[in-house]
Amino acid sequence: MLKNLLLVLFMFVLATPLLSARTFDFMKLSDEVSFYFNSNDNFNTKGRTLQIVAINQVKIGTWFQVEFTGDFNWETTIGVNYDYYIEVGVVKKVWRNLSFNYQRIHGSFVDEPINQFGIRLAL
């Protein structure tokens, strides 16, 4: 029940301005692709990582941020050839430096996807 209520509240926050302002826009903030060779403190090889980070602002009646982070690892974890972590989020500013935040996490280390609802304080 609480999950459905939070989802409805989240959709209301994003959808309300669409009724009065029919504007669409996009602003690139940060899109990065990195490739790492990993090692421990003794400089023994610990595999490779491809990391993708994209943080952009989207306007669909109102401005909000869409964030994507993905880490894709090869031969980093003992006994595992490949593992990954993916996080997709939406951030909507609600007052000054305070924002509402929703994130969805997928990863090879979790049994099922995880939803995170919270607030973010920009410092």
PDB file of N, CA and C in Angstrom:
ATOM      1  N   MET A   1       0.813  -1.191   0.000  1.00  0.00           N
ATOM      2  CA  MET A   1       0.000   0.000   0.000  1.00  0.00           C
ATOM      3  C   MET A   1       0.864   1.265   0.000  1.00  0.00           C
ATOM      4  N   LEU A   2       1.875   1.300   0.891  1.00  0.00           N
ATOM      5  CA  LEU A   2       2.767   2.461   0.956  1.00  0.00           C
ATOM      6  C   LEU A   2       3.522   2.628  -0.362  1.00  0.00           C
ATOM      7  N   LYS A   3       3.927   1.503  -0.956  1.00  0.00           N
ATOM      8  CA  LYS A   3       4.650   1.552  -2.228  1.00  0.00           C
ATOM      9  C   LYS A   3       3.791   2.198  -3.312  1.00  0.00           C
ATOM     10  N   ASN A   4       2.516   1.828  -3.385  1.00  0.00           N
ATOM     11  CA  ASN A   4       1.612   2.403  -4.382  1.00  0.00           C
ATOM     12  C   ASN A   4       1.376   3.881  -4.126  1.00  0.00           C
ATOM     13  N   LEU A   5       1.248   4.263  -2.862  1.00  0.00           N
ATOM     14  CA  LEU A   5       1.048   5.662  -2.508  1.00  0.00           C
ATOM     15  C   LEU A   5       2.248   6.509  -2.917  1.00  0.00           C
ATOM     16  N   LEU A   6       3.463   6.003  -2.639  1.00  0.00           N
ATOM     17  CA  LEU A   6       4.674   6.733  -3.018  1.00  0.00           C
ATOM     18  C   LEU A   6       4.789   6.852  -4.532  1.00  0.00           C
ATOM     19  N   LEU A   7       4.434   5.811  -5.258  1.00  0.00           N
ATOM     20  CA  LEU A   7       4.487   5.848  -6.712  1.00  0.00           C
ATOM     21  C   LEU A   7       3.506   6.882  -7.266  1.00  0.00           C
ATOM     22  N   VAL A   8       2.296   6.923  -6.717  1.00  0.00           N
ATOM     23  CA  VAL A   8       1.305   7.913  -7.156  1.00  0.00           C
ATOM     24  C   VAL A   8       1.800   9.326  -6.848  1.00  0.00           C
ATOM     25  N   LEU A   9       2.360   9.543  -5.660  1.00  0.00           N
ATOM     26  CA  LEU A   9       2.901  10.850  -5.288  1.00  0.00           C
ATOM     27  C   LEU A   9       4.022  11.267  -6.238  1.00  0.00           C
ATOM     28  N   PHE A  10       4.917  10.339  -6.540  1.00  0.00           N
ATOM     29  CA  PHE A  10       6.023  10.601  -7.450  1.00  0.00           C
ATOM     30  C   PHE A  10       5.506  11.002  -8.837  1.00  0.00           C
ATOM     31  N   MET A  11       4.546  10.262  -9.353  1.00  0.00           N
ATOM     32  CA  MET A  11       3.995  10.556 -10.675  1.00  0.00           C
ATOM     33  C   MET A  11       3.268  11.912 -10.670  1.00  0.00           C
ATOM     34  N   PHE A  12       2.591  12.240  -9.572  1.00  0.00           N
ATOM     35  CA  PHE A  12       1.900  13.523  -9.464  1.00  0.00           C
ATOM     36  C   PHE A  12       2.888  14.683  -9.521  1.00  0.00           C
ATOM     37  N   VAL A  13       4.006  14.545  -8.789  1.00  0.00           N
ATOM     38  CA  VAL A  13       5.027  15.600  -8.764  1.00  0.00           C
ATOM     39  C   VAL A  13       5.557  15.851 -10.169  1.00  0.00           C
ATOM     40  N   LEU A  14       5.768  14.798 -10.941  1.00  0.00           N
ATOM     41  CA  LEU A  14       6.302  14.964 -12.290  1.00  0.00           C
ATOM     42  C   LEU A  14       5.245  15.377 -13.314  1.00  0.00           C
ATOM     43  N   ALA A  15       4.009  14.915 -13.139  1.00  0.00           N
ATOM     44  CA  ALA A  15       2.995  15.113 -14.173  1.00  0.00           C
ATOM     45  C   ALA A  15       2.200  16.406 -14.036  1.00  0.00           C
ATOM     46  N   THR A  16       2.063  16.954 -12.858  1.00  0.00           N
ATOM     47  CA  THR A  16       1.232  18.138 -12.648  1.00  0.00           C
ATOM     48  C   THR A  16       1.583  19.292 -13.583  1.00  0.00           C
ATOM     49  N   PRO A  17       2.849  19.667 -13.745  1.00  0.00           N
ATOM     50  CA  PRO A  17       3.164  20.790 -14.645  1.00  0.00           C
ATOM     51  C   PRO A  17       2.833  20.513 -16.107  1.00  0.00           C
ATOM     52  N   LEU A  18       2.697  19.252 -16.498  1.00  0.00           N
ATOM     53  CA  LEU A  18       2.374  18.944 -17.889  1.00  0.00           C
ATOM     54  C   LEU A  18       0.999  19.476 -18.280  1.00  0.00           C
ATOM     55  N   LEU A  19       0.113  19.620 -17.299  1.00  0.00           N
ATOM     56  CA  LEU A  19      -1.224  20.094 -17.600  1.00  0.00           C
ATOM     57  C   LEU A  19      -1.229  21.556 -18.029  1.00  0.00           C
ATOM     58  N   SER A  20      -0.284  22.340 -17.502  1.00  0.00           N
ATOM     59  CA  SER A  20      -0.288  23.770 -17.806  1.00  0.00           C
ATOM     60  C   SER A  20       0.820  24.189 -18.767  1.00  0.00           C
ATOM     61  N   ALA A  21       1.935  23.500 -18.792  1.00  0.00           N
ATOM     62  CA  ALA A  21       3.066  23.891 -19.652  1.00  0.00           C
ATOM     63  C   ALA A  21       3.454  22.725 -20.537  1.00  0.00           C
ATOM     64  N   ARG A  22       3.276  22.878 -21.816  1.00  0.00           N
ATOM     65  CA  ARG A  22       3.572  21.798 -22.757  1.00  0.00           C
ATOM     66  C   ARG A  22       4.929  22.034 -23.429  1.00  0.00           C
ATOM     67  N   THR A  23       5.977  22.109 -22.598  1.00  0.00           N
ATOM     68  CA  THR A  23       7.292  22.370 -23.142  1.00  0.00           C
ATOM     69  C   THR A  23       8.212  21.184 -22.883  1.00  0.00           C
ATOM     70  N   PHE A  24       9.090  20.950 -23.841  1.00  0.00           N
ATOM     71  CA  PHE A  24      10.047  19.857 -23.759  1.00  0.00           C
ATOM     72  C   PHE A  24      11.437  20.414 -24.042  1.00  0.00           C
ATOM     73  N   ASP A  25      12.434  19.921 -23.303  1.00  0.00           N
ATOM     74  CA  ASP A  25      13.799  20.390 -23.510  1.00  0.00           C
ATOM     75  C   ASP A  25      14.758  19.357 -22.922  1.00  0.00           C
ATOM     76  N   PHE A  26      16.026  19.516 -23.216  1.00  0.00           N
ATOM     77  CA  PHE A  26      17.070  18.602 -22.747  1.00  0.00           C
ATOM     78  C   PHE A  26      18.344  19.406 -22.522  1.00  0.00           C
ATOM     79  N   MET A  27      19.036  19.151 -21.417  1.00  0.00           N
ATOM     80  CA  MET A  27      20.301  19.817 -21.139  1.00  0.00           C
ATOM     81  C   MET A  27      21.324  18.774 -20.686  1.00  0.00           C
ATOM     82  N   LYS A  28      22.394  18.661 -21.438  1.00  0.00           N
ATOM     83  CA  LYS A  28      23.464  17.721 -21.099  1.00  0.00           C
ATOM     84  C   LYS A  28      24.268  18.272 -19.930  1.00  0.00           C
ATOM     85  N   LEU A  29      24.413  17.490 -18.861  1.00  0.00           N
ATOM     86  CA  LEU A  29      25.220  17.904 -17.720  1.00  0.00           C
ATOM     87  C   LEU A  29      26.551  17.168 -17.697  1.00  0.00           C
ATOM     88  N   SER A  30      26.500  15.839 -17.743  1.00  0.00           N
ATOM     89  CA  SER A  30      27.734  15.056 -17.680  1.00  0.00           C
ATOM     90  C   SER A  30      27.486  13.666 -18.264  1.00  0.00           C
ATOM     91  N   ASP A  31      28.173  13.354 -19.328  1.00  0.00           N
ATOM     92  CA  ASP A  31      28.125  12.018 -19.922  1.00  0.00           C
ATOM     93  C   ASP A  31      29.559  11.537 -20.066  1.00  0.00           C
ATOM     94  N   GLU A  32      29.902  10.465 -19.344  1.00  0.00           N
ATOM     95  CA  GLU A  32      31.285   9.992 -19.307  1.00  0.00           C
ATOM     96  C   GLU A  32      31.350   8.477 -19.471  1.00  0.00           C
ATOM     97  N   VAL A  33      32.370   8.027 -20.175  1.00  0.00           N
ATOM     98  CA  VAL A  33      32.680   6.606 -20.284  1.00  0.00           C
ATOM     99  C   VAL A  33      34.134   6.439 -19.871  1.00  0.00           C
ATOM    100  N   SER A  34      34.378   5.539 -18.911  1.00  0.00           N
ATOM    101  CA  SER A  34      35.737   5.301 -18.414  1.00  0.00           C
ATOM    102  C   SER A  34      36.049   3.814 -18.498  1.00  0.00           C
ATOM    103  N   PHE A  35      37.318   3.503 -18.725  1.00  0.00           N
ATOM    104  CA  PHE A  35      37.778   2.115 -18.718  1.00  0.00           C
ATOM    105  C   PHE A  35      38.947   2.024 -17.748  1.00  0.00           C
ATOM    106  N   TYR A  36      38.875   1.082 -16.804  1.00  0.00           N
ATOM    107  CA  TYR A  36      39.881   0.958 -15.752  1.00  0.00           C
ATOM    108  C   TYR A  36      40.553  -0.405 -15.783  1.00  0.00           C
ATOM    109  N   PHE A  37      41.846  -0.408 -15.487  1.00  0.00           N
ATOM    110  CA  PHE A  37      42.576  -1.628 -15.158  1.00  0.00           C
ATOM    111  C   PHE A  37      42.717  -1.620 -13.646  1.00  0.00           C
ATOM    112  N   ASN A  38      42.166  -2.620 -12.981  1.00  0.00           N
ATOM    113  CA  ASN A  38      42.099  -2.649 -11.522  1.00  0.00           C
ATOM    114  C   ASN A  38      43.271  -3.423 -10.928  1.00  0.00           C
ATOM    115  N   SER A  39      43.702  -2.999  -9.723  1.00  0.00           N
ATOM    116  CA  SER A  39      44.752  -3.723  -9.002  1.00  0.00           C
ATOM    117  C   SER A  39      44.520  -3.563  -7.503  1.00  0.00           C
ATOM    118  N   ASN A  40      45.122  -4.464  -6.724  1.00  0.00           N
ATOM    119  CA  ASN A  40      45.071  -4.294  -5.268  1.00  0.00           C
ATOM    120  C   ASN A  40      46.264  -3.432  -4.844  1.00  0.00           C
ATOM    121  N   ASP A  41      46.487  -3.306  -3.533  1.00  0.00           N
ATOM    122  CA  ASP A  41      47.576  -2.448  -3.051  1.00  0.00           C
ATOM    123  C   ASP A  41      48.961  -2.965  -3.424  1.00  0.00           C
ATOM    124  N   ASN A  42      49.080  -4.263  -3.724  1.00  0.00           N
ATOM    125  CA  ASN A  42      50.357  -4.841  -4.155  1.00  0.00           C
ATOM    126  C   ASN A  42      50.520  -4.787  -5.673  1.00  0.00           C
ATOM    127  N   PHE A  43      49.603  -4.113  -6.337  1.00  0.00           N
ATOM    128  CA  PHE A  43      49.593  -3.957  -7.792  1.00  0.00           C
ATOM    129  C   PHE A  43      49.423  -5.273  -8.543  1.00  0.00           C
ATOM    130  N   ASN A  44      48.739  -6.240  -7.903  1.00  0.00           N
ATOM    131  CA  ASN A  44      48.337  -7.458  -8.596  1.00  0.00           C
ATOM    132  C   ASN A  44      47.060  -7.149  -9.373  1.00  0.00           C
ATOM    133  N   THR A  45      46.941  -7.691 -10.562  1.00  0.00           N
ATOM    134  CA  THR A  45      45.787  -7.382 -11.406  1.00  0.00           C
ATOM    135  C   THR A  45      44.491  -7.868 -10.769  1.00  0.00           C
ATOM    136  N   LYS A  46      43.464  -7.038 -10.844  1.00  0.00           N
ATOM    137  CA  LYS A  46      42.137  -7.364 -10.322  1.00  0.00           C
ATOM    138  C   LYS A  46      41.073  -7.114 -11.387  1.00  0.00           C
ATOM    139  N   GLY A  47      41.398  -7.388 -12.633  1.00  0.00           N
ATOM    140  CA  GLY A  47      40.425  -7.294 -13.712  1.00  0.00           C
ATOM    141  C   GLY A  47      40.300  -5.914 -14.318  1.00  0.00           C
ATOM    142  N   ARG A  48      39.181  -5.750 -15.055  1.00  0.00           N
ATOM    143  CA  ARG A  48      38.924  -4.508 -15.785  1.00  0.00           C
ATOM    144  C   ARG A  48      37.495  -4.049 -15.509  1.00  0.00           C
ATOM    145  N   THR A  49      37.281  -2.746 -15.620  1.00  0.00           N
ATOM    146  CA  THR A  49      35.950  -2.171 -15.397  1.00  0.00           C
ATOM    147  C   THR A  49      35.642  -1.151 -16.481  1.00  0.00           C
ATOM    148  N   LEU A  50      34.460  -1.259 -17.044  1.00  0.00           N
ATOM    149  CA  LEU A  50      33.909  -0.241 -17.937  1.00  0.00           C
ATOM    150  C   LEU A  50      32.840   0.490 -17.126  1.00  0.00           C
ATOM    151  N   GLN A  51      32.981   1.807 -17.006  1.00  0.00           N
ATOM    152  CA  GLN A  51      32.034   2.597 -16.219  1.00  0.00           C
ATOM    153  C   GLN A  51      31.382   3.645 -17.113  1.00  0.00           C
ATOM    154  N   ILE A  52      30.056   3.724 -17.034  1.00  0.00           N
ATOM    155  CA  ILE A  52      29.289   4.709 -17.792  1.00  0.00           C
ATOM    156  C   ILE A  52      28.505   5.552 -16.788  1.00  0.00           C
ATOM    157  N   VAL A  53      28.651   6.866 -16.874  1.00  0.00           N
ATOM    158  CA  VAL A  53      27.924   7.788 -16.005  1.00  0.00           C
ATOM    159  C   VAL A  53      27.285   8.855 -16.895  1.00  0.00           C
ATOM    160  N   ALA A  54      25.970   9.005 -16.773  1.00  0.00           N
ATOM    161  CA  ALA A  54      25.254  10.022 -17.542  1.00  0.00           C
ATOM    162  C   ALA A  54      24.294  10.745 -16.608  1.00  0.00           C
ATOM    163  N   ILE A  55      24.452  12.056 -16.495  1.00  0.00           N
ATOM    164  CA  ILE A  55      23.568  12.882 -15.684  1.00  0.00           C
ATOM    165  C   ILE A  55      23.092  14.021 -16.577  1.00  0.00           C
ATOM    166  N   ASN A  56      21.798  14.058 -16.832  1.00  0.00           N
ATOM    167  CA  ASN A  56      21.243  15.059 -17.739  1.00  0.00           C
ATOM    168  C   ASN A  56      19.948  15.628 -17.183  1.00  0.00           C
ATOM    169  N   GLN A  57      19.638  16.854 -17.571  1.00  0.00           N
ATOM    170  CA  GLN A  57      18.367  17.458 -17.189  1.00  0.00           C
ATOM    171  C   GLN A  57      17.404  17.335 -18.353  1.00  0.00           C
ATOM    172  N   VAL A  58      16.171  17.006 -18.016  1.00  0.00           N
ATOM    173  CA  VAL A  58      15.119  16.841 -19.007  1.00  0.00           C
ATOM    174  C   VAL A  58      13.942  17.710 -18.587  1.00  0.00           C
ATOM    175  N   LYS A  59      13.344  18.365 -19.558  1.00  0.00           N
ATOM    176  CA  LYS A  59      12.150  19.150 -19.264  1.00  0.00           C
ATOM    177  C   LYS A  59      10.977  18.549 -20.013  1.00  0.00           C
ATOM    178  N   ILE A  60      10.036  18.057 -19.247  1.00  0.00           N
ATOM    179  CA  ILE A  60       8.766  17.600 -19.780  1.00  0.00           C
ATOM    180  C   ILE A  60       7.717  18.326 -18.942  1.00  0.00           C
ATOM    181  N   GLY A  61       7.512  19.591 -19.257  1.00  0.00           N
ATOM    182  CA  GLY A  61       6.639  20.437 -18.463  1.00  0.00           C
ATOM    183  C   GLY A  61       7.356  21.046 -17.273  1.00  0.00           C
ATOM    184  N   THR A  62       8.253  20.300 -16.666  1.00  0.00           N
ATOM    185  CA  THR A  62       9.057  20.752 -15.542  1.00  0.00           C
ATOM    186  C   THR A  62      10.435  20.121 -15.666  1.00  0.00           C
ATOM    187  N   TRP A  63      11.439  20.749 -15.070  1.00  0.00           N
ATOM    188  CA  TRP A  63      12.799  20.217 -15.144  1.00  0.00           C
ATOM    189  C   TRP A  63      13.018  19.156 -14.090  1.00  0.00           C
ATOM    190  N   PHE A  64      13.705  18.091 -14.465  1.00  0.00           N
ATOM    191  CA  PHE A  64      14.170  17.080 -13.527  1.00  0.00           C
ATOM    192  C   PHE A  64      15.431  16.454 -14.100  1.00  0.00           C
ATOM    193  N   GLN A  65      16.190  15.780 -13.257  1.00  0.00           N
ATOM    194  CA  GLN A  65      17.416  15.119 -13.697  1.00  0.00           C
ATOM    195  C   GLN A  65      17.165  13.637 -13.890  1.00  0.00           C
ATOM    196  N   VAL A  66      17.809  13.102 -14.919  1.00  0.00           N
ATOM    197  CA  VAL A  66      17.829  11.661 -15.149  1.00  0.00           C
ATOM    198  C   VAL A  66      19.282  11.231 -15.008  1.00  0.00           C
ATOM    199  N   GLU A  67      19.521  10.231 -14.158  1.00  0.00           N
ATOM    200  CA  GLU A  67      20.890   9.795 -13.873  1.00  0.00           C
ATOM    201  C   GLU A  67      21.032   8.311 -14.178  1.00  0.00           C
ATOM    202  N   PHE A  68      22.138   7.955 -14.808  1.00  0.00           N
ATOM    203  CA  PHE A  68      22.450   6.555 -15.097  1.00  0.00           C
ATOM    204  C   PHE A  68      23.897   6.298 -14.697  1.00  0.00           C
ATOM    205  N   THR A  69      24.110   5.230 -13.939  1.00  0.00           N
ATOM    206  CA  THR A  69      25.456   4.784 -13.596  1.00  0.00           C
ATOM    207  C   THR A  69      25.523   3.294 -13.861  1.00  0.00           C
ATOM    208  N   GLY A  70      26.550   2.875 -14.534  1.00  0.00           N
ATOM    209  CA  GLY A  70      26.746   1.451 -14.783  1.00  0.00           C
ATOM    210  C   GLY A  70      28.209   1.075 -14.648  1.00  0.00           C
ATOM    211  N   ASP A  71      28.481   0.068 -13.834  1.00  0.00           N
ATOM    212  CA  ASP A  71      29.824  -0.516 -13.713  1.00  0.00           C
ATOM    213  C   ASP A  71      29.752  -1.944 -14.231  1.00  0.00           C
ATOM    214  N   PHE A  72      30.589  -2.257 -15.208  1.00  0.00           N
ATOM    215  CA  PHE A  72      30.629  -3.580 -15.810  1.00  0.00           C
ATOM    216  C   PHE A  72      32.047  -4.113 -15.619  1.00  0.00           C
ATOM    217  N   ASN A  73      32.182  -5.192 -14.847  1.00  0.00           N
ATOM    218  CA  ASN A  73      33.492  -5.690 -14.413  1.00  0.00           C
ATOM    219  C   ASN A  73      33.799  -7.059 -14.998  1.00  0.00           C
ATOM    220  N   TRP A  74      35.060  -7.244 -15.391  1.00  0.00           N
ATOM    221  CA  TRP A  74      35.542  -8.530 -15.872  1.00  0.00           C
ATOM    222  C   TRP A  74      36.688  -8.973 -14.979  1.00  0.00           C
ATOM    223  N   GLU A  75      36.571 -10.188 -14.469  1.00  0.00           N
ATOM    224  CA  GLU A  75      37.612 -10.825 -13.653  1.00  0.00           C
ATOM    225  C   GLU A  75      38.005  -9.965 -12.450  1.00  0.00           C
ATOM    226  N   THR A  76      37.026  -9.292 -11.844  1.00  0.00           N
ATOM    227  CA  THR A  76      37.284  -8.462 -10.671  1.00  0.00           C
ATOM    228  C   THR A  76      37.008  -9.240  -9.381  1.00  0.00           C
ATOM    229  N   THR A  77      35.949 -10.044  -9.382  1.00  0.00           N
ATOM    230  CA  THR A  77      35.557 -10.835  -8.215  1.00  0.00           C
ATOM    231  C   THR A  77      36.080 -12.253  -8.366  1.00  0.00           C
ATOM    232  N   ILE A  78      36.690 -12.783  -7.320  1.00  0.00           N
ATOM    233  CA  ILE A  78      37.249 -14.137  -7.356  1.00  0.00           C
ATOM    234  C   ILE A  78      36.157 -15.150  -7.692  1.00  0.00           C
ATOM    235  N   GLY A  79      36.422 -15.982  -8.687  1.00  0.00           N
ATOM    236  CA  GLY A  79      35.486 -17.022  -9.100  1.00  0.00           C
ATOM    237  C   GLY A  79      34.361 -16.557 -10.014  1.00  0.00           C
ATOM    238  N   VAL A  80      34.329 -15.276 -10.349  1.00  0.00           N
ATOM    239  CA  VAL A  80      33.282 -14.743 -11.219  1.00  0.00           C
ATOM    240  C   VAL A  80      33.945 -14.059 -12.411  1.00  0.00           C
ATOM    241  N   ASN A  81      33.555 -14.465 -13.610  1.00  0.00           N
ATOM    242  CA  ASN A  81      34.121 -13.892 -14.827  1.00  0.00           C
ATOM    243  C   ASN A  81      33.632 -12.473 -15.097  1.00  0.00           C
ATOM    244  N   TYR A  82      32.340 -12.227 -14.784  1.00  0.00           N
ATOM    245  CA  TYR A  82      31.716 -10.938 -15.131  1.00  0.00           C
ATOM    246  C   TYR A  82      30.673 -10.588 -14.076  1.00  0.00           C
ATOM    247  N   ASP A  83      30.639  -9.338 -13.627  1.00  0.00           N
ATOM    248  CA  ASP A  83      29.563  -8.846 -12.772  1.00  0.00           C
ATOM    249  C   ASP A  83      29.260  -7.400 -13.142  1.00  0.00           C
ATOM    250  N   TYR A  84      28.108  -6.918 -12.665  1.00  0.00           N
ATOM    251  CA  TYR A  84      27.698  -5.565 -13.057  1.00  0.00           C
ATOM    252  C   TYR A  84      26.849  -4.922 -11.970  1.00  0.00           C
ATOM    253  N   TYR A  85      26.754  -3.594 -12.065  1.00  0.00           N
ATOM    254  CA  TYR A  85      25.923  -2.770 -11.195  1.00  0.00           C
ATOM    255  C   TYR A  85      25.333  -1.671 -12.060  1.00  0.00           C
ATOM    256  N   ILE A  86      24.009  -1.541 -12.072  1.00  0.00           N
ATOM    257  CA  ILE A  86      23.348  -0.505 -12.856  1.00  0.00           C
ATOM    258  C   ILE A  86      22.388   0.252 -11.941  1.00  0.00           C
ATOM    259  N   GLU A  87      22.454   1.563 -12.003  1.00  0.00           N
ATOM    260  CA  GLU A  87      21.564   2.416 -11.208  1.00  0.00           C
ATOM    261  C   GLU A  87      20.972   3.481 -12.124  1.00  0.00           C
ATOM    262  N   VAL A  88      19.646   3.565 -12.148  1.00  0.00           N
ATOM    263  CA  VAL A  88      18.948   4.571 -12.935  1.00  0.00           C
ATOM    264  C   VAL A  88      18.122   5.397 -11.959  1.00  0.00           C
ATOM    265  N   GLY A  89      18.199   6.721 -12.067  1.00  0.00           N
ATOM    266  CA  GLY A  89      17.484   7.566 -11.112  1.00  0.00           C
ATOM    267  C   GLY A  89      16.839   8.774 -11.745  1.00  0.00           C
ATOM    268  N   VAL A  90      15.830   9.294 -11.037  1.00  0.00           N
ATOM    269  CA  VAL A  90      15.146  10.522 -11.411  1.00  0.00           C
ATOM    270  C   VAL A  90      15.163  11.424 -10.186  1.00  0.00           C
ATOM    271  N   VAL A  91      15.575  12.675 -10.377  1.00  0.00           N
ATOM    272  CA  VAL A  91      15.678  13.626  -9.279  1.00  0.00           C
ATOM    273  C   VAL A  91      14.847  14.862  -9.634  1.00  0.00           C
ATOM    274  N   LYS A  92      13.931  15.241  -8.739  1.00  0.00           N
ATOM    275  CA  LYS A  92      13.085  16.419  -8.958  1.00  0.00           C
ATOM    276  C   LYS A  92      13.271  17.386  -7.806  1.00  0.00           C
ATOM    277  N   LYS A  93      13.745  18.580  -8.134  1.00  0.00           N
ATOM    278  CA  LYS A  93      13.918  19.618  -7.118  1.00  0.00           C
ATOM    279  C   LYS A  93      12.544  20.037  -6.603  1.00  0.00           C
ATOM    280  N   VAL A  94      12.414  20.077  -5.256  1.00  0.00           N
ATOM    281  CA  VAL A  94      11.133  20.474  -4.671  1.00  0.00           C
ATOM    282  C   VAL A  94      11.211  21.797  -3.934  1.00  0.00           C
ATOM    283  N   TRP A  95      12.387  22.155  -3.412  1.00  0.00           N
ATOM    284  CA  TRP A  95      12.535  23.426  -2.714  1.00  0.00           C
ATOM    285  C   TRP A  95      14.006  23.717  -2.510  1.00  0.00           C
ATOM    286  N   ARG A  96      14.477  24.861  -2.964  1.00  0.00           N
ATOM    287  CA  ARG A  96      15.865  25.305  -2.851  1.00  0.00           C
ATOM    288  C   ARG A  96      16.835  24.185  -3.181  1.00  0.00           C
ATOM    289  N   ASN A  97      17.587  23.678  -2.198  1.00  0.00           N
ATOM    290  CA  ASN A  97      18.576  22.615  -2.426  1.00  0.00           C
ATOM    291  C   ASN A  97      18.042  21.231  -2.079  1.00  0.00           C
ATOM    292  N   LEU A  98      16.736  21.107  -1.901  1.00  0.00           N
ATOM    293  CA  LEU A  98      16.125  19.848  -1.515  1.00  0.00           C
ATOM    294  C   LEU A  98      15.406  19.227  -2.708  1.00  0.00           C
ATOM    295  N   SER A  99      15.686  17.962  -2.968  1.00  0.00           N
ATOM    296  CA  SER A  99      15.091  17.260  -4.107  1.00  0.00           C
ATOM    297  C   SER A  99      14.509  15.924  -3.663  1.00  0.00           C
ATOM    298  N   PHE A 100      13.504  15.473  -4.423  1.00  0.00           N
ATOM    299  CA  PHE A 100      12.953  14.135  -4.273  1.00  0.00           C
ATOM    300  C   PHE A 100      13.741  13.237  -5.213  1.00  0.00           C
ATOM    301  N   ASN A 101      14.103  12.043  -4.768  1.00  0.00           N
ATOM    302  CA  ASN A 101      14.962  11.169  -5.543  1.00  0.00           C
ATOM    303  C   ASN A 101      14.377   9.761  -5.604  1.00  0.00           C
ATOM    304  N   TYR A 102      14.331   9.198  -6.802  1.00  0.00           N
ATOM    305  CA  TYR A 102      13.962   7.785  -6.989  1.00  0.00           C
ATOM    306  C   TYR A 102      15.094   7.120  -7.757  1.00  0.00           C
ATOM    307  N   GLN A 103      15.527   5.963  -7.287  1.00  0.00           N
ATOM    308  CA  GLN A 103      16.566   5.191  -7.975  1.00  0.00           C
ATOM    309  C   GLN A 103      16.131   3.736  -8.060  1.00  0.00           C
ATOM    310  N   ARG A 104      16.515   3.096  -9.148  1.00  0.00           N
ATOM    311  CA  ARG A 104      16.276   1.660  -9.322  1.00  0.00           C
ATOM    312  C   ARG A 104      17.627   1.017  -9.568  1.00  0.00           C
ATOM    313  N   ILE A 105      17.908  -0.032  -8.797  1.00  0.00           N
ATOM    314  CA  ILE A 105      19.209  -0.697  -8.851  1.00  0.00           C
ATOM    315  C   ILE A 105      19.042  -2.116  -9.363  1.00  0.00           C
ATOM    316  N   HIS A 106      19.862  -2.450 -10.330  1.00  0.00           N
ATOM    317  CA  HIS A 106      19.987  -3.818 -10.829  1.00  0.00           C
ATOM    318  C   HIS A 106      21.455  -4.192 -10.664  1.00  0.00           C
ATOM    319  N   GLY A 107      21.718  -5.438 -10.385  1.00  0.00           N
ATOM    320  CA  GLY A 107      23.097  -5.867 -10.280  1.00  0.00           C
ATOM    321  C   GLY A 107      23.193  -7.373 -10.169  1.00  0.00           C
ATOM    322  N   SER A 108      24.349  -7.867 -10.511  1.00  0.00           N
ATOM    323  CA  SER A 108      24.562  -9.310 -10.421  1.00  0.00           C
ATOM    324  C   SER A 108      24.681  -9.765  -8.975  1.00  0.00           C
ATOM    325  N   PHE A 109      24.798  -8.822  -8.042  1.00  0.00           N
ATOM    326  CA  PHE A 109      24.959  -9.165  -6.632  1.00  0.00           C
ATOM    327  C   PHE A 109      23.657  -9.074  -5.846  1.00  0.00           C
ATOM    328  N   VAL A 110      22.537  -8.676  -6.478  1.00  0.00           N
ATOM    329  CA  VAL A 110      21.242  -8.606  -5.796  1.00  0.00           C
ATOM    330  C   VAL A 110      20.290  -9.630  -6.398  1.00  0.00           C
ATOM    331  N   ASP A 111      19.430 -10.201  -5.558  1.00  0.00           N
ATOM    332  CA  ASP A 111      18.488 -11.226  -6.017  1.00  0.00           C
ATOM    333  C   ASP A 111      17.402 -10.667  -6.922  1.00  0.00           C
ATOM    334  N   GLU A 112      16.987  -9.436  -6.648  1.00  0.00           N
ATOM    335  CA  GLU A 112      15.947  -8.788  -7.434  1.00  0.00           C
ATOM    336  C   GLU A 112      16.226  -7.287  -7.458  1.00  0.00           C
ATOM    337  N   PRO A 113      15.649  -6.553  -8.421  1.00  0.00           N
ATOM    338  CA  PRO A 113      15.877  -5.106  -8.479  1.00  0.00           C
ATOM    339  C   PRO A 113      15.440  -4.421  -7.184  1.00  0.00           C
ATOM    340  N   ILE A 114      16.110  -3.325  -6.856  1.00  0.00           N
ATOM    341  CA  ILE A 114      15.835  -2.567  -5.632  1.00  0.00           C
ATOM    342  C   ILE A 114      15.362  -1.173  -6.018  1.00  0.00           C
ATOM    343  N   ASN A 115      14.260  -0.719  -5.395  1.00  0.00           N
ATOM    344  CA  ASN A 115      13.756   0.638  -5.566  1.00  0.00           C
ATOM    345  C   ASN A 115      14.158   1.460  -4.353  1.00  0.00           C
ATOM    346  N   GLN A 116      14.649   2.660  -4.588  1.00  0.00           N
ATOM    347  CA  GLN A 116      15.009   3.568  -3.505  1.00  0.00           C
ATOM    348  C   GLN A 116      14.240   4.871  -3.695  1.00  0.00           C
ATOM    349  N   PHE A 117      13.524   5.299  -2.655  1.00  0.00           N
ATOM    350  CA  PHE A 117      12.845   6.585  -2.635  1.00  0.00           C
ATOM    351  C   PHE A 117      13.474   7.409  -1.532  1.00  0.00           C
ATOM    352  N   GLY A 118      13.753   8.668  -1.789  1.00  0.00           N
ATOM    353  CA  GLY A 118      14.361   9.464  -0.729  1.00  0.00           C
ATOM    354  C   GLY A 118      14.432  10.936  -1.072  1.00  0.00           C
ATOM    355  N   ILE A 119      15.148  11.648  -0.239  1.00  0.00           N
ATOM    356  CA  ILE A 119      15.373  13.068  -0.456  1.00  0.00           C
ATOM    357  C   ILE A 119      16.874  13.295  -0.609  1.00  0.00           C
ATOM    358  N   ARG A 120      17.219  14.345  -1.325  1.00  0.00           N
ATOM    359  CA  ARG A 120      18.614  14.682  -1.572  1.00  0.00           C
ATOM    360  C   ARG A 120      18.817  16.150  -1.206  1.00  0.00           C
ATOM    361  N   LEU A 121      19.862  16.407  -0.472  1.00  0.00           N
ATOM    362  CA  LEU A 121      20.238  17.767  -0.122  1.00  0.00           C
ATOM    363  C   LEU A 121      21.499  18.115  -0.893  1.00  0.00           C
ATOM    364  N   ALA A 122      21.420  19.102  -1.771  1.00  0.00           N
ATOM    365  CA  ALA A 122      22.582  19.547  -2.539  1.00  0.00           C
ATOM    366  C   ALA A 122      23.395  20.504  -1.677  1.00  0.00           C
ATOM    367  N   LEU A 123      24.663  20.194  -1.500  1.00  0.00           N
ATOM    368  CA  LEU A 123      25.535  21.017  -0.665  1.00  0.00           C
ATOM    369  C   LEU A 123      26.372  21.971  -1.503  1.00  0.00           C
TER     370      LEU A 123
END
